[in-house]
Amino acid sequence: MPLIRDIVQADYSVVEELLYSNDLGDGRFYDPEGLDVVVAELHGRVVGVAEFQLHCDFGHDEGREAHPGEQTFILTMAVAHTDRRGGVGRALLAEIARRAQRAGHTFLALVPQDGADAAGRQAFFQACGFTLYGPAGPGAAWGCPVSEILAVKDTAAPKAGG
């Protein structure tokens, strides 16, 4: 299982490369200012990253369908291609869900990124319990109750920080 921890400045270049290799970054210097960011570490190397906002009112201004409770919005998740299907993505989601729960939030929301492997990203989020809410189409919102993410037994991962 990966170690999930807060990002530190020494991780920035690795995270930028990870995002870029997943078609989610532009290859420029990574700056997570204003975001909550956790990384997944296996055998001393960063193999996954998740950017999120614990306090976000996503959807209300855009007229998206209402959902129960306060929400945490997941902006970006990426896992190294060589470390996929090993529980890294689920461990990152579980850590976000734990932090959301501690903040009193009951719902996780996201908009799966377009581009290369968009179908794979959507399939991953569906497998984790996320469903479409609101109108379908580009930029469609997906969500999942925090309790559903935390109910999955194999999402428990060692944590540092948080």
C-alpha atoms as a PDB file:
ATOM      1  CA  MET A   1       0.000   0.000   0.000  1.00  0.00           C
ATOM      2  CA  PRO A   2       1.255   3.488  -0.750  1.00  0.00           C
ATOM      3  CA  LEU A   3       2.073   6.072   1.872  1.00  0.00           C
ATOM      4  CA  ILE A   4      -0.259   9.057   1.404  1.00  0.00           C
ATOM      5  CA  ARG A   5       1.135  12.383   2.591  1.00  0.00           C
ATOM      6  CA  ASP A   6       0.963  16.118   2.014  1.00  0.00           C
ATOM      7  CA  ILE A   7       3.042  17.445  -0.843  1.00  0.00           C
ATOM      8  CA  VAL A   8       6.360  19.146  -0.033  1.00  0.00           C
ATOM      9  CA  GLN A   9       8.352  21.449  -2.298  1.00  0.00           C
ATOM     10  CA  ALA A  10      10.861  18.693  -3.089  1.00  0.00           C
ATOM     11  CA  ASP A  11       7.973  16.832  -4.805  1.00  0.00           C
ATOM     12  CA  TYR A  12       7.065  19.626  -7.247  1.00  0.00           C
ATOM     13  CA  SER A  13       9.223  18.563 -10.190  1.00  0.00           C
ATOM     14  CA  VAL A  14       8.180  14.901  -9.851  1.00  0.00           C
ATOM     15  CA  VAL A  15       4.510  15.890  -9.645  1.00  0.00           C
ATOM     16  CA  GLU A  16       4.803  18.114 -12.733  1.00  0.00           C
ATOM     17  CA  GLU A  17       6.322  15.214 -14.689  1.00  0.00           C
ATOM     18  CA  LEU A  18       3.614  12.860 -13.389  1.00  0.00           C
ATOM     19  CA  LEU A  19       0.866  15.261 -14.471  1.00  0.00           C
ATOM     20  CA  TYR A  20       2.550  15.860 -17.838  1.00  0.00           C
ATOM     21  CA  SER A  21       2.940  12.126 -18.515  1.00  0.00           C
ATOM     22  CA  ASN A  22      -0.804  11.734 -17.853  1.00  0.00           C
ATOM     23  CA  ASP A  23      -1.665  14.599 -20.248  1.00  0.00           C
ATOM     24  CA  LEU A  24      -2.781  16.719 -17.291  1.00  0.00           C
ATOM     25  CA  GLY A  25       0.068  19.221 -17.073  1.00  0.00           C
ATOM     26  CA  ASP A  26       1.798  21.602 -19.413  1.00  0.00           C
ATOM     27  CA  GLY A  27       5.390  20.749 -18.462  1.00  0.00           C
ATOM     28  CA  ARG A  28       5.983  24.091 -16.743  1.00  0.00           C
ATOM     29  CA  PHE A  29       7.010  24.595 -13.129  1.00  0.00           C
ATOM     30  CA  TYR A  30       4.429  23.109 -10.767  1.00  0.00           C
ATOM     31  CA  ASP A  31       2.849  25.510  -8.267  1.00  0.00           C
ATOM     32  CA  PRO A  32       0.060  24.122  -6.045  1.00  0.00           C
ATOM     33  CA  GLU A  33      -0.701  27.433  -4.306  1.00  0.00           C
ATOM     34  CA  GLY A  34      -4.319  27.591  -3.179  1.00  0.00           C
ATOM     35  CA  LEU A  35      -4.849  23.845  -3.527  1.00  0.00           C
ATOM     36  CA  ASP A  36      -4.883  20.956  -1.121  1.00  0.00           C
ATOM     37  CA  VAL A  37      -2.447  18.362  -2.515  1.00  0.00           C
ATOM     38  CA  VAL A  38      -1.523  14.864  -1.381  1.00  0.00           C
ATOM     39  CA  VAL A  39       0.943  12.484  -2.976  1.00  0.00           C
ATOM     40  CA  ALA A  40       1.220   8.711  -2.941  1.00  0.00           C
ATOM     41  CA  GLU A  41       4.656   7.295  -2.281  1.00  0.00           C
ATOM     42  CA  LEU A  42       5.813   3.738  -2.935  1.00  0.00           C
ATOM     43  CA  HIS A  43       9.310   2.561  -2.030  1.00  0.00           C
ATOM     44  CA  GLY A  44      10.468   6.147  -1.511  1.00  0.00           C
ATOM     45  CA  ARG A  45       9.231   7.574  -4.794  1.00  0.00           C
ATOM     46  CA  VAL A  46       6.135   9.627  -5.617  1.00  0.00           C
ATOM     47  CA  VAL A  47       3.822   7.610  -7.886  1.00  0.00           C
ATOM     48  CA  GLY A  48       0.528   9.497  -7.541  1.00  0.00           C
ATOM     49  CA  VAL A  49      -0.922  12.909  -6.843  1.00  0.00           C
ATOM     50  CA  ALA A  50      -4.344  14.373  -6.084  1.00  0.00           C
ATOM     51  CA  GLU A  51      -5.249  18.057  -6.082  1.00  0.00           C
ATOM     52  CA  PHE A  52      -8.472  19.029  -4.329  1.00  0.00           C
ATOM     53  CA  GLN A  53     -10.288  21.809  -2.507  1.00  0.00           C
ATOM     54  CA  LEU A  54     -11.821  20.989   0.833  1.00  0.00           C
ATOM     55  CA  HIS A  55     -13.906  24.143   0.834  1.00  0.00           C
ATOM     56  CA  CYS A  56     -15.568  24.569  -2.536  1.00  0.00           C
ATOM     57  CA  ASP A  57     -19.051  25.539  -3.659  1.00  0.00           C
ATOM     58  CA  PHE A  58     -18.701  23.848  -7.032  1.00  0.00           C
ATOM     59  CA  GLY A  59     -21.860  23.556  -9.026  1.00  0.00           C
ATOM     60  CA  HIS A  60     -24.242  25.904  -7.297  1.00  0.00           C
ATOM     61  CA  ASP A  61     -23.392  28.912  -9.485  1.00  0.00           C
ATOM     62  CA  GLU A  62     -23.401  26.777 -12.631  1.00  0.00           C
ATOM     63  CA  GLY A  63     -26.927  25.520 -11.963  1.00  0.00           C
ATOM     64  CA  ARG A  64     -25.807  21.957 -11.333  1.00  0.00           C
ATOM     65  CA  GLU A  65     -28.239  19.633  -9.668  1.00  0.00           C
ATOM     66  CA  ALA A  66     -28.248  19.854  -5.877  1.00  0.00           C
ATOM     67  CA  HIS A  67     -26.562  17.208  -3.797  1.00  0.00           C
ATOM     68  CA  PRO A  68     -26.708  16.481  -0.085  1.00  0.00           C
ATOM     69  CA  GLY A  69     -24.366  18.243   2.314  1.00  0.00           C
ATOM     70  CA  GLU A  70     -21.108  20.109   2.020  1.00  0.00           C
ATOM     71  CA  GLN A  71     -18.673  18.973  -0.633  1.00  0.00           C
ATOM     72  CA  THR A  72     -15.001  18.600  -1.400  1.00  0.00           C
ATOM     73  CA  PHE A  73     -14.007  19.087  -5.038  1.00  0.00           C
ATOM     74  CA  ILE A  74     -11.314  16.904  -6.631  1.00  0.00           C
ATOM     75  CA  LEU A  75      -9.502  18.821  -9.349  1.00  0.00           C
ATOM     76  CA  THR A  76      -6.845  16.411 -10.610  1.00  0.00           C
ATOM     77  CA  MET A  77      -5.650  12.887  -9.924  1.00  0.00           C
ATOM     78  CA  ALA A  78      -2.763  11.134 -11.627  1.00  0.00           C
ATOM     79  CA  VAL A  79      -0.963   7.844 -11.056  1.00  0.00           C
ATOM     80  CA  ALA A  80       2.240   6.745 -12.787  1.00  0.00           C
ATOM     81  CA  HIS A  81       1.433   4.358 -15.627  1.00  0.00           C
ATOM     82  CA  THR A  82       3.710   1.697 -14.120  1.00  0.00           C
ATOM     83  CA  ASP A  83       1.877   1.814 -10.777  1.00  0.00           C
ATOM     84  CA  ARG A  84      -1.731   1.685 -11.930  1.00  0.00           C
ATOM     85  CA  ARG A  85      -4.092  -1.046 -10.768  1.00  0.00           C
ATOM     86  CA  GLY A  86      -2.227  -1.350  -7.486  1.00  0.00           C
ATOM     87  CA  GLY A  87      -4.590   0.655  -5.267  1.00  0.00           C
ATOM     88  CA  VAL A  88      -2.761   4.004  -5.528  1.00  0.00           C
ATOM     89  CA  GLY A  89      -5.750   5.911  -6.967  1.00  0.00           C
ATOM     90  CA  ARG A  90      -8.146   4.406  -4.445  1.00  0.00           C
ATOM     91  CA  ALA A  91      -5.755   5.243  -1.588  1.00  0.00           C
ATOM     92  CA  LEU A  92      -5.592   8.865  -2.762  1.00  0.00           C
ATOM     93  CA  LEU A  93      -9.413   9.014  -2.921  1.00  0.00           C
ATOM     94  CA  ALA A  94      -9.695   7.473   0.537  1.00  0.00           C
ATOM     95  CA  GLU A  95      -7.378  10.111   2.002  1.00  0.00           C
ATOM     96  CA  ILE A  96      -9.384  12.909   0.390  1.00  0.00           C
ATOM     97  CA  ALA A  97     -12.580  11.335   1.766  1.00  0.00           C
ATOM     98  CA  ARG A  98     -11.093  11.126   5.278  1.00  0.00           C
ATOM     99  CA  ARG A  99     -10.089  14.789   5.148  1.00  0.00           C
ATOM    100  CA  ALA A 100     -13.501  15.744   3.773  1.00  0.00           C
ATOM    101  CA  GLN A 101     -15.204  13.851   6.581  1.00  0.00           C
ATOM    102  CA  ARG A 102     -13.034  15.587   9.212  1.00  0.00           C
ATOM    103  CA  ALA A 103     -14.069  18.917   7.652  1.00  0.00           C
ATOM    104  CA  GLY A 104     -17.746  17.924   8.003  1.00  0.00           C
ATOM    105  CA  HIS A 105     -18.294  17.287   4.289  1.00  0.00           C
ATOM    106  CA  THR A 106     -20.466  14.465   3.044  1.00  0.00           C
ATOM    107  CA  PHE A 107     -19.929  14.572  -0.721  1.00  0.00           C
ATOM    108  CA  LEU A 108     -17.011  14.412  -3.173  1.00  0.00           C
ATOM    109  CA  ALA A 109     -17.429  16.074  -6.572  1.00  0.00           C
ATOM    110  CA  LEU A 110     -15.269  16.193  -9.695  1.00  0.00           C
ATOM    111  CA  VAL A 111     -15.271  16.739 -13.427  1.00  0.00           C
ATOM    112  CA  PRO A 112     -13.168  14.023 -15.091  1.00  0.00           C
ATOM    113  CA  GLN A 113     -10.515  15.633 -17.282  1.00  0.00           C
ATOM    114  CA  ASP A 114     -10.918  15.435 -21.038  1.00  0.00           C
ATOM    115  CA  GLY A 115      -8.125  14.486 -23.388  1.00  0.00           C
ATOM    116  CA  ALA A 116      -6.093  11.330 -23.659  1.00  0.00           C
ATOM    117  CA  ASP A 117      -7.482   8.487 -21.555  1.00  0.00           C
ATOM    118  CA  ALA A 118     -10.666  10.382 -20.617  1.00  0.00           C
ATOM    119  CA  ALA A 119     -12.596   7.110 -20.905  1.00  0.00           C
ATOM    120  CA  GLY A 120     -10.128   5.400 -18.562  1.00  0.00           C
ATOM    121  CA  ARG A 121     -10.479   8.196 -15.998  1.00  0.00           C
ATOM    122  CA  GLN A 122     -14.268   7.974 -16.138  1.00  0.00           C
ATOM    123  CA  ALA A 123     -14.135   4.183 -15.779  1.00  0.00           C
ATOM    124  CA  PHE A 124     -11.884   4.516 -12.711  1.00  0.00           C
ATOM    125  CA  PHE A 125     -14.193   7.017 -11.015  1.00  0.00           C
ATOM    126  CA  GLN A 126     -17.241   4.897 -11.841  1.00  0.00           C
ATOM    127  CA  ALA A 127     -15.554   1.831 -10.342  1.00  0.00           C
ATOM    128  CA  CYS A 128     -14.943   3.873  -7.178  1.00  0.00           C
ATOM    129  CA  GLY A 129     -18.645   4.772  -6.859  1.00  0.00           C
ATOM    130  CA  PHE A 130     -18.857   8.138  -8.610  1.00  0.00           C
ATOM    131  CA  THR A 131     -21.934   8.778 -10.733  1.00  0.00           C
ATOM    132  CA  LEU A 132     -22.966  11.537 -13.063  1.00  0.00           C
ATOM    133  CA  TYR A 133     -25.115  14.221 -11.479  1.00  0.00           C
ATOM    134  CA  GLY A 134     -26.659  17.012 -13.442  1.00  0.00           C
ATOM    135  CA  PRO A 135     -26.697  17.189 -17.225  1.00  0.00           C
ATOM    136  CA  ALA A 136     -24.438  14.890 -19.272  1.00  0.00           C
ATOM    137  CA  GLY A 137     -21.906  16.253 -21.733  1.00  0.00           C
ATOM    138  CA  PRO A 138     -18.514  17.952 -21.722  1.00  0.00           C
ATOM    139  CA  GLY A 139     -17.678  19.250 -18.269  1.00  0.00           C
ATOM    140  CA  ALA A 140     -20.306  17.042 -16.647  1.00  0.00           C
ATOM    141  CA  ALA A 141     -20.095  16.759 -12.877  1.00  0.00           C
ATOM    142  CA  TRP A 142     -19.680  13.438 -11.089  1.00  0.00           C
ATOM    143  CA  GLY A 143     -20.107  12.833  -7.393  1.00  0.00           C
ATOM    144  CA  CYS A 144     -20.051  10.298  -4.614  1.00  0.00           C
ATOM    145  CA  PRO A 145     -20.950  10.359  -0.926  1.00  0.00           C
ATOM    146  CA  VAL A 146     -17.860  10.380   1.288  1.00  0.00           C
ATOM    147  CA  SER A 147     -19.330   7.422   3.184  1.00  0.00           C
ATOM    148  CA  GLU A 148     -19.201   5.234   0.046  1.00  0.00           C
ATOM    149  CA  ILE A 149     -15.491   5.878  -0.460  1.00  0.00           C
ATOM    150  CA  LEU A 150     -14.744   5.224   3.209  1.00  0.00           C
ATOM    151  CA  ALA A 151     -16.831   2.026   3.254  1.00  0.00           C
ATOM    152  CA  VAL A 152     -14.460   0.269   0.840  1.00  0.00           C
ATOM    153  CA  LYS A 153     -12.212  -1.838   3.067  1.00  0.00           C
ATOM    154  CA  ASP A 154      -9.178  -1.972   0.800  1.00  0.00           C
ATOM    155  CA  THR A 155      -8.765   1.843   0.701  1.00  0.00           C
ATOM    156  CA  ALA A 156      -7.013   1.999   4.083  1.00  0.00           C
ATOM    157  CA  ALA A 157      -3.494   3.252   3.469  1.00  0.00           C
ATOM    158  CA  PRO A 158      -0.688   4.408   5.711  1.00  0.00           C
ATOM    159  CA  LYS A 159      -0.834   8.150   6.192  1.00  0.00           C
ATOM    160  CA  ALA A 160       1.658  10.846   7.026  1.00  0.00           C
ATOM    161  CA  GLY A 161       0.593  14.391   7.718  1.00  0.00           C
ATOM    162  CA  GLY A 162      -2.979  15.404   7.210  1.00  0.00           C
END
